[in-house]
Amino acid sequence: MNHIANMVLAGLVVFAGMAAPSSQVTLTQASKITTFKNCTQLNQRYPHGVGRTGAHDRVSGHGKPVTNFAVSNALYAANRKSDRDHDGIACEKH
């Protein structure tokens, strides 16, 4: 039964990806929520940062915004202190 549930979940993830193409990585609720000490530690696990749903990278000048950050409201909330520009993405990196 568990195998069937995993197959259905995998199908939904694939379907969701087809319905709303995005370069953002969405984390599941099963992911462990970790509060990282700093951006160096966070970027070791999430190289492009972690943002809340609907967040957009705020850039100055002509820089290109980061769009491939991991998306998790809970993980972002746990690491909100690392969002220096208050754009909803903690520790964003290209």
Foldseek 3Di string as FASTA:
>chain_A
DVVVVVVVVVVVVVVVCVVDPFLEAEDDPPDDQDQDPALVVVCVVWVFFEFEPPFWADDPDPDDTDGHTYYDPRNCVSHVVQPPVPRRTGNGDD
